[in-house]
Amino acid sequence: VIYDATGIRRESGRQAVLINSIIEEFSKGKIPPGEKLKEVLGHTPGEAFLGTLLGLTIGFLVYISVI
C-alpha cells in the first residue's frame, strides 16, 4: 500500500501533467482540446511515512484501550 501511495500514484500524476501539456500544445493549433486529466501526484515519501506512523499509533492506542 505504501509503495502504491508513493510510487505508482506519483508516476501516474507525472504522466497526467505531461499529457495535459501535450493537449495544451495541440489546442494552440486547430485540433480541438480534449478533457484535462487529473494531476494528483500522490503522496511524498514523508507523507507515507507519517501516515504509517499515525496508523500504527492509533492502532496501538485502540488495542490498549480495549484490553
Protein backbone atom coordinates (compact mmCIF):
# COMPACT_ATOMS: atom_id res chain seq x y z
CA VAL A 1 0.00 0.00 0.00
CA ILE A 2 2.83 2.39 0.84
CA TYR A 3 4.57 1.61 -2.45
CA ASP A 4 1.34 2.35 -4.28
CA ALA A 5 0.86 5.61 -2.40
CA THR A 6 4.34 6.91 -3.11
CA GLY A 7 5.40 5.30 -6.37
CA ILE A 8 2.63 4.35 -8.73
CA ARG A 9 0.28 7.24 -7.96
CA ARG A 10 3.11 9.76 -8.17
CA GLU A 11 4.21 8.48 -11.56
CA SER A 12 0.67 8.46 -12.93
CA GLY A 13 0.36 12.07 -11.77
CA ARG A 14 3.55 12.99 -13.61
CA GLN A 15 2.20 11.32 -16.73
CA ALA A 16 -1.03 13.31 -16.40
CA VAL A 17 0.99 16.55 -16.21
CA LEU A 18 2.89 15.61 -19.37
CA ILE A 19 -0.24 14.56 -21.26
CA ASN A 20 -2.02 17.78 -20.26
CA SER A 21 0.91 19.84 -21.54
CA ILE A 22 0.74 17.95 -24.84
CA ILE A 23 -3.01 18.64 -25.04
CA GLU A 24 -2.36 22.35 -24.40
CA GLU A 25 0.20 22.44 -27.21
CA PHE A 26 -2.25 20.79 -29.60
CA SER A 27 -5.04 23.13 -28.51
CA LYS A 28 -2.95 26.09 -29.67
CA GLY A 29 -3.35 24.68 -33.17
CA LYS A 30 -6.57 23.65 -34.86
CA ILE A 31 -7.03 20.37 -33.03
CA PRO A 32 -10.00 20.53 -30.61
CA PRO A 33 -8.87 20.27 -26.98
CA GLY A 34 -9.71 17.14 -25.04
CA GLU A 35 -10.64 16.69 -21.43
CA LYS A 36 -7.84 17.55 -19.00
CA LEU A 37 -6.61 14.74 -16.79
CA LYS A 38 -6.41 14.96 -13.04
CA GLU A 39 -2.89 15.88 -11.95
CA VAL A 40 -2.82 14.35 -8.50
CA LEU A 41 0.75 13.42 -7.71
CA GLY A 42 0.12 11.03 -4.84
CA HIS A 43 1.94 11.09 -1.54
CA THR A 44 5.52 12.05 -0.90
CA PRO A 45 7.69 9.54 0.99
CA GLY A 46 7.44 11.75 4.08
CA GLU A 47 3.65 11.76 3.94
CA ALA A 48 3.61 7.99 3.53
CA PHE A 49 5.96 7.56 6.49
CA LEU A 50 3.92 9.85 8.75
CA GLY A 51 0.70 8.14 7.66
CA THR A 52 2.19 4.76 8.55
CA LEU A 53 3.38 6.09 11.91
CA LEU A 54 -0.02 7.64 12.63
CA GLY A 55 -1.85 4.44 11.66
CA LEU A 56 0.37 2.30 13.89
CA THR A 57 -0.03 4.73 16.80
CA ILE A 58 -3.82 4.85 16.52
CA GLY A 59 -3.99 1.07 16.15
CA PHE A 60 -1.84 0.62 19.26
CA LEU A 61 -3.92 3.09 21.28
CA VAL A 62 -7.16 1.37 20.28
CA TYR A 63 -5.63 -2.01 21.13
CA ILE A 64 -4.53 -0.99 24.63
CA SER A 65 -7.84 0.74 25.37
CA VAL A 66 -9.74 -2.48 24.61
CA ILE A 67 -7.62 -4.61 26.93
